[in-house]
N, C-alpha and C. Protein backbone atom coordinates (compact mmCIF):
# COMPACT_ATOMS: atom_id res chain seq x y z
N UNK A 1 48.99 23.12 70.38
CA UNK A 1 48.29 23.60 69.29
C UNK A 1 47.39 22.42 69.37
N UNK A 2 45.63 22.82 69.25
CA UNK A 2 44.51 21.69 70.13
C UNK A 2 44.36 21.55 68.23
N UNK A 3 44.67 20.16 67.83
CA UNK A 3 43.93 19.53 66.73
C UNK A 3 42.83 18.89 66.84
N UNK A 4 41.76 19.13 65.74
CA UNK A 4 40.26 18.48 65.97
C UNK A 4 40.22 17.76 64.42
N UNK A 5 40.29 16.24 64.35
CA UNK A 5 40.14 16.21 63.50
C UNK A 5 38.34 15.29 63.33
N UNK A 6 38.03 16.44 62.40
CA UNK A 6 36.34 15.87 62.00
C UNK A 6 36.01 15.80 61.17
N UNK A 7 35.46 14.38 60.95
CA UNK A 7 35.04 13.78 59.30
C UNK A 7 34.01 13.75 59.76
N UNK A 8 32.94 14.79 58.87
CA UNK A 8 32.02 14.97 58.85
C UNK A 8 31.33 14.38 57.81
N UNK A 9 30.18 13.45 58.27
CA UNK A 9 29.69 12.31 57.43
C UNK A 9 28.09 12.40 57.62
N UNK A 10 27.66 12.47 58.87
CA UNK A 10 26.67 12.20 58.96
C UNK A 10 25.79 13.38 58.75
N UNK A 11 24.08 14.00 58.63
CA UNK A 11 23.59 14.81 58.17
C UNK A 11 22.14 14.45 58.85
N UNK A 12 21.83 15.92 59.32
CA UNK A 12 20.46 15.87 59.94
C UNK A 12 19.82 17.02 59.11
N UNK A 13 18.61 17.11 59.32
CA UNK A 13 17.40 17.83 58.00
C UNK A 13 16.15 18.19 58.70
N UNK A 14 15.85 19.42 59.09
CA UNK A 14 14.20 19.79 59.31
C UNK A 14 13.59 20.38 58.13
N UNK A 15 12.68 19.82 57.78
CA UNK A 15 12.16 20.62 56.66
C UNK A 15 10.80 21.53 57.01
N UNK A 16 10.59 21.19 58.28
CA UNK A 16 9.76 22.28 58.45
C UNK A 16 10.14 23.71 58.50
N UNK A 17 11.68 23.82 58.94
CA UNK A 17 12.48 24.94 59.40
C UNK A 17 12.98 25.07 58.08
N UNK A 18 13.12 24.09 57.28
CA UNK A 18 14.16 24.31 55.61
C UNK A 18 15.96 24.40 56.10
N UNK A 19 16.01 23.52 56.83
CA UNK A 19 17.64 23.65 57.01
C UNK A 19 18.18 21.73 56.88
N UNK A 20 19.71 22.21 56.53
CA UNK A 20 20.04 20.22 56.69
C UNK A 20 21.32 20.99 57.13
N UNK A 21 22.17 20.11 57.90
CA UNK A 21 23.51 20.33 58.27
C UNK A 21 24.45 18.91 58.35
N UNK A 22 25.69 19.29 58.63
CA UNK A 22 26.48 17.92 58.35
C UNK A 22 27.05 17.89 59.74
N UNK A 23 27.01 16.83 60.56
CA UNK A 23 27.68 16.53 61.93
C UNK A 23 28.61 15.77 61.86
N UNK A 24 29.86 15.82 62.62
CA UNK A 24 30.96 15.24 63.43
C UNK A 24 30.33 13.75 63.05
N UNK A 25 31.31 12.49 62.55
CA UNK A 25 31.00 11.35 62.65
C UNK A 25 30.34 10.60 63.57
N UNK A 26 30.83 10.72 64.76
CA UNK A 26 30.49 10.25 65.86
C UNK A 26 29.32 10.77 66.76
N UNK A 27 28.67 11.95 66.36
CA UNK A 27 27.99 12.24 66.80
C UNK A 27 26.23 11.44 67.20
N UNK A 28 25.54 11.40 67.68
CA UNK A 28 24.12 10.07 67.29
C UNK A 28 23.08 11.52 68.08
N UNK A 29 21.63 11.03 67.84
CA UNK A 29 20.69 11.63 68.16
C UNK A 29 20.90 11.56 69.53
N UNK A 30 20.34 12.53 70.14
CA UNK A 30 19.87 12.13 72.25
C UNK A 30 18.35 12.53 72.27
N UNK A 31 17.91 14.21 71.76
CA UNK A 31 16.68 14.27 72.11
C UNK A 31 16.53 13.57 72.87
N UNK A 32 15.61 12.00 72.98
CA UNK A 32 14.50 11.44 73.01
C UNK A 32 15.37 11.29 74.68
N UNK A 33 16.61 11.51 74.95
CA UNK A 33 17.13 11.05 75.92
C UNK A 33 17.21 12.26 77.01
N UNK A 34 17.06 13.58 75.86
CA UNK A 34 17.36 14.63 77.75
C UNK A 34 16.22 14.53 78.18
N UNK A 35 16.42 14.71 79.78
CA UNK A 35 15.00 14.63 80.44
C UNK A 35 14.31 15.97 80.03
N UNK A 36 15.19 17.03 80.48
CA UNK A 36 13.98 18.56 79.99
C UNK A 36 14.47 19.26 78.68
N UNK A 37 14.21 19.06 77.40
CA UNK A 37 15.27 19.37 76.75
C UNK A 37 15.04 21.09 76.13
N UNK A 38 13.64 21.21 76.34
CA UNK A 38 12.95 22.38 76.57
C UNK A 38 12.06 22.45 75.14
N UNK A 39 10.54 22.71 75.18
CA UNK A 39 9.87 23.13 74.24
C UNK A 39 10.18 24.01 72.70
N UNK A 40 11.24 24.37 72.80
CA UNK A 40 11.81 25.06 71.44
C UNK A 40 13.10 24.11 71.15
N UNK A 41 13.59 23.49 71.33
CA UNK A 41 14.64 21.90 71.32
C UNK A 41 14.13 21.77 69.98
N UNK A 42 14.79 21.89 68.80
CA UNK A 42 14.21 20.80 67.68
C UNK A 42 14.89 19.38 67.77
N UNK A 43 16.22 19.15 68.03
CA UNK A 43 17.00 18.26 68.00
C UNK A 43 18.02 18.43 68.53
N UNK A 44 19.05 17.48 69.22
CA UNK A 44 19.73 17.30 70.35
C UNK A 44 20.75 16.12 69.39
N UNK A 45 22.27 16.07 69.64
CA UNK A 45 23.03 15.10 69.02
C UNK A 45 24.77 15.37 70.21
N UNK A 46 24.80 14.38 70.43
CA UNK A 46 26.08 14.13 71.42
C UNK A 46 27.13 13.39 70.62
N UNK A 47 28.05 13.42 70.95
CA UNK A 47 29.47 12.80 70.65
C UNK A 47 30.82 12.99 71.03
N UNK A 48 32.05 12.42 71.27
CA UNK A 48 32.68 12.53 71.60
C UNK A 48 33.83 13.43 70.99
N UNK A 49 33.44 13.30 69.55
CA UNK A 49 34.86 13.72 68.88
C UNK A 49 35.79 13.46 69.16
N UNK A 50 36.38 14.10 69.53
CA UNK A 50 38.34 13.91 69.65
C UNK A 50 38.29 12.83 71.27
N UNK A 51 37.27 12.87 71.72
CA UNK A 51 37.92 11.90 73.00
C UNK A 51 37.64 12.75 74.12
N UNK A 52 37.36 11.87 75.51
CA UNK A 52 37.30 12.84 76.72
C UNK A 52 36.40 13.36 77.40
N UNK A 53 35.22 13.09 76.84
CA UNK A 53 34.07 13.47 77.34
C UNK A 53 33.29 14.09 76.44
N UNK A 54 32.12 13.97 76.82
CA UNK A 54 30.73 14.43 75.47
C UNK A 54 30.59 15.86 75.27
N UNK A 55 29.88 15.89 74.32
CA UNK A 55 30.05 17.47 73.57
C UNK A 55 28.49 16.83 72.96
N UNK A 56 27.39 18.16 73.65
CA UNK A 56 26.02 17.98 73.05
C UNK A 56 25.88 19.16 72.30
N UNK A 57 25.28 18.59 70.87
CA UNK A 57 25.00 19.78 69.77
C UNK A 57 24.18 19.97 69.52
N UNK A 58 22.60 20.72 69.96
CA UNK A 58 21.59 21.11 69.69
C UNK A 58 21.29 22.33 68.76
N UNK A 59 20.09 22.11 68.21
CA UNK A 59 19.72 23.52 66.96
C UNK A 59 18.07 23.85 68.10
N UNK A 60 17.64 25.04 68.42
CA UNK A 60 16.75 26.00 68.88
C UNK A 60 15.64 26.54 67.74
N UNK A 61 14.36 26.75 68.06
CA UNK A 61 13.69 27.26 67.26
C UNK A 61 14.01 28.85 68.12
N UNK A 62 13.86 29.96 67.37
CA UNK A 62 14.00 31.28 68.25
C UNK A 62 12.65 31.52 67.76
N UNK A 63 11.68 31.24 66.95
CA UNK A 63 9.85 31.52 66.24
C UNK A 63 10.13 33.20 65.83
N UNK A 64 11.16 33.34 65.47
CA UNK A 64 11.29 35.04 65.13
C UNK A 64 12.28 35.27 63.69
N UNK A 65 12.18 35.96 63.00
CA UNK A 65 13.56 36.57 62.25
C UNK A 65 14.24 37.41 62.79
N UNK A 66 15.60 37.36 61.98
CA UNK A 66 16.44 38.01 63.40
C UNK A 66 17.14 39.33 62.27
N UNK A 67 17.39 40.43 62.39
CA UNK A 67 17.66 41.04 61.53
C UNK A 67 18.93 41.23 61.94
N UNK A 68 19.82 41.74 60.37
CA UNK A 68 21.57 41.76 59.83
C UNK A 68 21.98 42.71 61.12
N UNK A 69 21.39 43.28 61.76
CA UNK A 69 22.35 44.54 62.53
C UNK A 69 22.81 43.42 64.04
N UNK A 70 24.27 43.47 63.96
CA UNK A 70 24.82 43.03 65.19
C UNK A 70 24.33 42.73 66.57
N UNK A 71 24.50 42.13 67.27
CA UNK A 71 24.28 42.11 68.78
C UNK A 71 25.56 43.35 69.21
N UNK A 72 25.08 43.86 70.39
CA UNK A 72 26.55 44.81 71.44
C UNK A 72 26.78 44.05 72.50
N UNK A 73 28.13 43.68 72.36
CA UNK A 73 28.24 43.38 74.02
C UNK A 73 27.88 43.84 75.19
N UNK A 74 27.65 45.40 74.98
CA UNK A 74 27.24 46.28 76.34
C UNK A 74 25.13 45.77 76.25
N UNK A 75 25.08 45.01 75.51
CA UNK A 75 23.52 44.79 75.51
C UNK A 75 23.32 43.13 76.01
N UNK A 76 24.51 42.23 76.44
CA UNK A 76 24.45 41.08 76.79
C UNK A 76 24.68 40.80 78.31
N UNK A 77 24.31 40.12 78.66
CA UNK A 77 24.89 39.56 79.86
C UNK A 77 26.57 40.02 80.44
N UNK A 78 27.01 40.24 81.03
CA UNK A 78 28.46 39.54 81.57
C UNK A 78 28.89 38.58 81.58
N UNK A 79 28.06 37.17 81.65
CA UNK A 79 28.70 35.72 81.36
C UNK A 79 28.79 35.55 80.25
N UNK A 80 28.58 36.51 79.06
CA UNK A 80 28.63 36.51 77.50
C UNK A 80 29.50 37.20 76.91
N UNK A 81 30.12 36.56 75.80
CA UNK A 81 31.08 37.22 75.72
C UNK A 81 30.64 37.18 73.76
N UNK A 82 30.38 38.25 73.46
CA UNK A 82 30.30 37.90 71.66
C UNK A 82 31.20 37.94 70.99
N UNK A 83 30.91 37.08 69.82
CA UNK A 83 31.69 36.92 68.81
C UNK A 83 31.05 36.57 67.60
N UNK A 84 31.60 36.40 66.11
CA UNK A 84 30.50 35.91 65.18
C UNK A 84 31.62 34.57 64.34
N UNK A 85 30.45 33.71 64.22
CA UNK A 85 31.16 32.83 63.18
C UNK A 85 30.49 33.21 61.26
N UNK A 86 31.14 32.06 60.36
CA UNK A 86 30.49 32.80 59.11
C UNK A 86 29.99 31.36 58.95
N UNK A 87 28.21 32.01 58.32
CA UNK A 87 28.06 31.30 57.79
C UNK A 87 27.44 31.70 56.32
N UNK A 88 27.44 30.88 55.41
CA UNK A 88 27.63 30.67 54.10
C UNK A 88 28.62 32.54 53.72
N UNK A 89 27.95 33.29 53.28
CA UNK A 89 28.61 34.61 52.90
C UNK A 89 28.46 35.47 54.24
N UNK A 90 27.77 35.22 55.06
CA UNK A 90 27.34 35.76 56.26
C UNK A 90 28.26 35.82 57.69
N UNK A 91 28.35 36.88 58.55
CA UNK A 91 28.85 36.89 59.67
C UNK A 91 27.45 37.03 60.91
N UNK A 92 27.63 35.97 61.47
CA UNK A 92 26.25 35.52 62.53
C UNK A 92 27.33 35.87 63.53
N UNK A 93 26.34 36.44 64.61
CA UNK A 93 26.71 36.56 65.83
C UNK A 93 26.36 34.69 66.63
N UNK A 94 27.32 34.96 67.32
CA UNK A 94 27.37 34.37 68.80
C UNK A 94 28.25 34.33 69.61
N UNK A 95 27.74 33.58 70.63
CA UNK A 95 28.35 34.17 72.16
C UNK A 95 28.80 32.53 72.78
N UNK A 96 29.67 33.23 73.55
CA UNK A 96 30.35 32.12 74.55
C UNK A 96 29.90 32.22 75.93
N UNK A 97 29.66 31.31 76.74
CA UNK A 97 28.88 31.58 77.89
C UNK A 97 29.69 30.48 79.22
N UNK A 98 30.06 31.38 79.64
CA UNK A 98 30.97 30.45 80.73
C UNK A 98 29.84 29.72 81.91
N UNK A 99 29.99 28.79 82.41
CA UNK A 99 28.57 28.35 83.60
C UNK A 99 29.31 27.22 84.10
N UNK A 100 28.40 27.06 85.06
CA UNK A 100 28.83 25.47 85.86
C UNK A 100 27.42 24.48 85.80
N UNK A 101 27.27 23.25 85.42
CA UNK A 101 26.35 22.48 85.21
C UNK A 101 26.51 21.48 85.99
N UNK A 102 26.03 21.32 87.53
CA UNK A 102 26.26 20.81 88.62
C UNK A 102 27.89 21.00 89.29
N UNK A 103 28.49 20.10 89.48
CA UNK A 103 29.76 20.30 89.69
C UNK A 103 31.31 20.83 88.62
N UNK A 104 30.28 20.77 87.63
CA UNK A 104 31.21 20.58 86.02
C UNK A 104 31.23 22.52 85.60
N UNK A 105 32.42 22.45 85.27
CA UNK A 105 32.73 23.81 84.75
C UNK A 105 32.60 23.52 83.08
N UNK A 106 31.33 24.48 82.51
CA UNK A 106 31.06 24.00 81.12
C UNK A 106 31.49 25.59 80.64
N UNK A 107 31.53 25.27 79.32
CA UNK A 107 30.95 26.34 78.19
C UNK A 107 29.82 26.06 77.44
N UNK A 108 29.10 26.78 76.70
CA UNK A 108 28.02 26.99 75.90
C UNK A 108 28.18 27.78 74.66
N UNK A 109 28.40 27.23 73.53
CA UNK A 109 28.13 28.29 72.45
C UNK A 109 27.21 28.18 71.88
N UNK A 110 26.59 29.74 71.56
CA UNK A 110 24.89 29.61 70.75
C UNK A 110 25.88 30.31 69.29
N UNK A 111 24.74 30.19 68.32
CA UNK A 111 25.03 30.99 67.34
C UNK A 111 23.78 30.93 66.44
N UNK A 112 22.99 32.31 66.14
CA UNK A 112 21.98 32.24 65.68
C UNK A 112 22.38 32.51 64.23
N UNK A 113 21.10 31.42 63.55
CA UNK A 113 21.52 31.62 62.34
C UNK A 113 19.97 31.89 61.74
N UNK A 114 20.00 33.20 60.80
CA UNK A 114 18.47 33.39 60.12
C UNK A 114 18.07 33.07 58.52
N UNK A 115 17.58 31.49 59.28
CA UNK A 115 16.66 31.04 58.00
C UNK A 115 15.97 31.97 57.41
N UNK A 116 15.39 32.07 56.35
CA UNK A 116 14.03 32.33 55.94
C UNK A 116 12.74 32.19 56.67
N UNK A 117 12.39 30.86 57.17
CA UNK A 117 11.37 30.62 57.54
C UNK A 117 11.38 31.36 58.84
N UNK A 118 12.23 30.64 60.09
CA UNK A 118 12.31 31.24 61.15
C UNK A 118 13.89 30.68 61.67
N UNK A 119 14.60 32.13 62.29
CA UNK A 119 15.40 32.00 62.58
C UNK A 119 16.36 31.04 63.55
N UNK A 120 16.79 29.95 63.66
CA UNK A 120 17.53 28.87 64.85
C UNK A 120 18.58 29.72 65.36
N UNK A 121 18.74 29.06 66.54
CA UNK A 121 20.05 28.60 67.09
C UNK A 121 20.79 27.46 67.52
N UNK A 122 22.30 27.58 67.06
CA UNK A 122 22.90 26.27 66.94
C UNK A 122 24.04 26.20 68.59
N UNK A 123 23.42 25.49 69.40
CA UNK A 123 24.14 25.40 70.15
C UNK A 123 25.37 24.33 70.33
N UNK A 124 26.38 24.71 71.10
CA UNK A 124 27.57 23.05 71.85
C UNK A 124 27.92 23.45 73.10
N UNK A 125 27.57 22.23 73.35
CA UNK A 125 27.95 22.76 75.31
C UNK A 125 29.01 21.46 75.55
N UNK A 126 29.81 21.89 76.26
CA UNK A 126 31.10 21.16 76.36
C UNK A 126 31.92 21.24 77.75
N UNK A 127 32.68 20.44 78.07
CA UNK A 127 33.50 21.08 79.71
C UNK A 127 34.08 22.47 79.14
N UNK A 128 34.29 23.16 80.40
CA UNK A 128 35.41 23.90 79.91
C UNK A 128 36.48 24.00 79.20
N UNK A 129 37.26 23.03 79.90
CA UNK A 129 38.66 22.36 79.22
C UNK A 129 38.80 21.74 78.09
N UNK A 130 37.45 22.16 77.39
CA UNK A 130 37.55 21.47 75.62
C UNK A 130 36.76 22.76 75.07
N UNK A 131 36.52 24.09 75.57
CA UNK A 131 36.06 25.03 74.95
C UNK A 131 36.79 25.47 73.46
N UNK A 132 38.03 24.70 73.34
CA UNK A 132 38.19 25.45 71.54
C UNK A 132 37.87 24.10 70.78
N UNK A 133 37.78 23.39 71.41
CA UNK A 133 37.11 22.13 70.32
C UNK A 133 36.06 22.31 69.77
N UNK A 134 34.97 23.15 71.17
CA UNK A 134 33.55 22.86 70.76
C UNK A 134 33.29 24.05 70.02
N UNK A 135 33.97 25.71 70.21
CA UNK A 135 34.35 26.46 69.22
C UNK A 135 34.83 25.97 67.50
N UNK A 136 35.52 24.86 67.36
CA UNK A 136 35.57 24.46 66.48
C UNK A 136 34.57 23.70 66.27
N UNK A 137 34.02 22.98 66.58
CA UNK A 137 32.61 21.95 65.98
C UNK A 137 31.90 22.56 65.85
N UNK A 138 31.21 24.17 66.56
CA UNK A 138 30.42 25.07 66.09
C UNK A 138 30.45 25.51 64.91
N UNK A 139 31.73 26.10 64.66
CA UNK A 139 32.08 26.81 63.60
C UNK A 139 31.89 25.85 62.35
N UNK A 140 32.30 24.65 62.52
CA UNK A 140 32.16 23.65 61.52
C UNK A 140 30.92 22.79 60.69
N UNK A 141 29.73 23.08 62.05
CA UNK A 141 28.53 22.42 61.65
C UNK A 141 27.66 23.81 61.56
N UNK A 142 28.05 25.19 61.89
CA UNK A 142 27.20 26.17 61.34
C UNK A 142 27.68 26.31 59.64
N UNK A 143 28.95 26.59 59.38
CA UNK A 143 29.06 26.56 58.26
C UNK A 143 28.70 25.28 57.05
N UNK A 144 28.40 24.32 57.61
CA UNK A 144 27.80 23.38 56.60
C UNK A 144 26.29 22.98 56.55
N UNK A 145 25.61 24.18 57.32
CA UNK A 145 24.39 24.37 57.47
C UNK A 145 23.32 25.03 55.96
N UNK A 146 22.81 24.11 55.52
CA UNK A 146 22.38 24.61 54.18
C UNK A 146 20.84 25.00 54.35
N UNK A 147 20.48 26.09 53.96
CA UNK A 147 18.99 26.49 53.94
C UNK A 147 19.33 28.07 53.37
N UNK A 148 17.66 28.79 53.21
CA UNK A 148 17.88 29.96 52.60
C UNK A 148 17.64 30.81 53.89
N UNK A 149 17.94 32.47 53.38
CA UNK A 149 18.40 33.07 54.22
C UNK A 149 17.34 34.14 54.27
N UNK A 150 16.58 34.97 55.07
CA UNK A 150 15.68 36.27 54.83
C UNK A 150 17.09 37.63 55.05
N UNK A 151 17.90 37.63 55.06
CA UNK A 151 18.89 38.79 54.74
C UNK A 151 19.07 38.62 53.62
N UNK A 152 19.47 40.26 53.09
CA UNK A 152 19.88 40.71 51.91
C UNK A 152 20.94 40.09 51.84
N UNK A 153 21.53 39.70 50.24
CA UNK A 153 23.09 39.47 50.73
C UNK A 153 24.23 40.43 50.27
N UNK A 154 25.43 40.24 51.41
CA UNK A 154 26.28 41.23 51.54
C UNK A 154 26.85 42.40 50.41
N UNK A 155 27.09 43.01 50.67
CA UNK A 155 27.72 44.01 49.74
C UNK A 155 28.98 43.08 48.69
N UNK A 156 28.69 43.08 47.64
CA UNK A 156 29.84 42.48 46.52
C UNK A 156 29.94 41.01 46.83
N UNK A 157 28.57 40.31 47.33
CA UNK A 157 27.75 39.58 46.98
C UNK A 157 26.58 38.97 45.95
N UNK A 158 26.84 39.93 44.86
CA UNK A 158 25.26 40.17 44.49
C UNK A 158 25.44 39.33 43.35
N UNK A 159 26.24 38.28 43.11
CA UNK A 159 26.20 37.26 41.66
C UNK A 159 27.28 35.97 42.15
N UNK A 160 27.18 35.53 41.15
CA UNK A 160 28.51 34.08 41.42
C UNK A 160 29.65 34.73 41.54
N UNK A 161 30.08 35.94 40.87
CA UNK A 161 31.37 36.73 40.64
C UNK A 161 31.60 37.31 42.00
N UNK A 162 31.03 37.32 42.45
CA UNK A 162 31.29 38.66 43.53
C UNK A 162 31.52 40.45 43.08
N UNK A 163 32.41 40.88 43.41
CA UNK A 163 32.98 42.27 42.77
C UNK A 163 33.49 42.20 41.67
N UNK A 164 33.99 41.12 41.28
CA UNK A 164 34.43 41.15 39.34
C UNK A 164 33.69 41.95 38.69
N UNK A 165 32.32 41.45 38.91
CA UNK A 165 32.00 41.63 37.83
C UNK A 165 31.25 43.65 37.20
N UNK A 166 30.98 43.97 38.56
CA UNK A 166 30.59 45.02 39.02
C UNK A 166 31.61 46.04 38.82
N UNK A 167 33.38 45.58 38.91
CA UNK A 167 34.19 46.37 38.68
C UNK A 167 34.55 46.64 36.72
N UNK A 168 34.21 45.20 36.16
CA UNK A 168 34.45 45.40 34.82
C UNK A 168 33.46 46.31 34.22
N UNK A 169 32.26 46.25 34.74
CA UNK A 169 31.20 47.05 34.55
C UNK A 169 31.27 48.69 34.37
N UNK A 170 31.98 48.86 35.75
CA UNK A 170 32.57 50.43 36.35
C UNK A 170 33.86 50.87 35.37
N UNK A 171 34.54 50.16 34.97
CA UNK A 171 35.57 50.53 34.40
C UNK A 171 35.64 50.43 32.50
N UNK A 172 34.16 49.45 32.02
CA UNK A 172 33.39 49.75 30.91
C UNK A 172 32.83 51.46 30.88
N UNK A 173 32.03 51.59 31.78
CA UNK A 173 31.25 52.79 31.38
C UNK A 173 32.45 54.04 31.75
N UNK A 174 33.43 53.76 32.45
CA UNK A 174 34.28 54.90 32.93
C UNK A 174 35.32 55.20 31.35
N UNK A 175 35.84 54.40 30.75
CA UNK A 175 36.52 54.49 28.95
C UNK A 175 35.35 54.83 28.62
N UNK A 176 33.83 54.38 27.99
CA UNK A 176 33.25 54.95 27.72
C UNK A 176 33.08 56.50 27.23
N UNK A 177 32.55 57.09 28.70
CA UNK A 177 32.44 57.84 29.47
C UNK A 177 33.69 59.24 28.69
N UNK A 178 35.13 58.94 28.98
CA UNK A 178 36.18 59.59 28.69
C UNK A 178 36.18 59.74 27.06
N UNK A 179 36.01 58.53 26.30
CA UNK A 179 35.62 58.77 24.74
C UNK A 179 34.80 60.07 24.75
N UNK A 180 33.93 59.93 25.03
CA UNK A 180 32.70 60.81 24.61
C UNK A 180 33.59 62.38 24.80
N UNK A 181 33.87 62.53 25.96
CA UNK A 181 34.32 63.80 26.45
C UNK A 181 35.82 64.01 25.59
N UNK A 182 36.25 63.16 24.84
CA UNK A 182 37.51 63.70 24.69
C UNK A 182 37.12 63.95 22.99
N UNK A 183 36.61 63.24 22.46
CA UNK A 183 35.71 63.58 21.27
C UNK A 183 35.15 64.60 21.05
N UNK A 184 34.23 65.11 22.03
CA UNK A 184 33.75 66.40 22.07
C UNK A 184 34.66 67.89 21.85
N UNK A 185 36.00 67.72 22.74
CA UNK A 185 36.36 68.51 23.06
C UNK A 185 38.17 68.58 22.15
N UNK A 186 37.83 68.11 21.40
CA UNK A 186 38.38 68.38 20.02
C UNK A 186 38.52 69.58 19.63
N UNK A 187 39.90 70.12 19.14
CA UNK A 187 39.45 71.55 18.23
C UNK A 187 39.13 70.98 16.76
N UNK A 188 38.77 72.29 16.20
CA UNK A 188 38.53 72.52 14.79
C UNK A 188 39.89 72.12 14.37
N UNK A 189 40.20 71.20 13.40
CA UNK A 189 41.66 71.47 12.84
C UNK A 189 41.39 72.33 11.61
N UNK A 190 40.55 72.32 10.92
CA UNK A 190 40.45 73.27 9.52
C UNK A 190 40.78 74.68 9.94
N UNK A 191 40.22 74.82 11.17
CA UNK A 191 40.58 76.77 11.36
C UNK A 191 39.30 77.41 11.14
N UNK A 192 39.30 78.54 11.52
CA UNK A 192 38.61 79.56 11.00
C UNK A 192 38.21 79.49 9.59
N UNK A 193 37.10 79.12 9.27
CA UNK A 193 36.66 79.64 7.74
C UNK A 193 36.70 81.16 7.69
N UNK A 194 36.49 81.39 6.56
CA UNK A 194 36.96 82.84 6.10
C UNK A 194 36.04 83.32 5.05
N UNK A 195 35.25 84.52 5.26
CA UNK A 195 34.46 84.63 4.45
C UNK A 195 34.29 84.61 2.50
N UNK A 196 33.85 84.39 2.22
CA UNK A 196 33.56 84.28 0.62
C UNK A 196 33.85 85.68 -0.27
N UNK A 197 35.08 85.46 -0.70
CA UNK A 197 35.39 86.77 -1.64
C UNK A 197 34.15 87.45 -2.68
């Protein structure tokens, strides 16, 4: 079993997009070192994590909001495998893409995060033999990401106590209704009144 020790200490934030995330402790900012990062890349970090080769973590703008409706595997290229990762109380779509970067077999994990101002993609690239570790890092980083969502709260998360408050209210309503019904159906114990003599 692959054990990844992630000491999450360093933080990165973007005020324009309204997020803050926590990075593994050995990751350093490398955005300025990437020759062609792409115009939508917000920031990139590189690190060894548990050793044995670099992992690259990036945040990319999507310039749009995304729907809470999940992607379907049939809508993706054959090279991508669909999965989900947890962000707050949401299951957000993520993909795994196996590819070649020059002579190196690599894996790219991407998670789509529905921030209120604009959705972002969190990407991590690693050698294919470190795919499990890359997925664990993606899950941990996305899980640490703070920011407001444009999605409605999932069912059962309407308040800080989840479904427990809803159940208590429902039970109280049922008890009150049962009392009202039973008091209306009680027979008159005095019996029928006879006419006056």
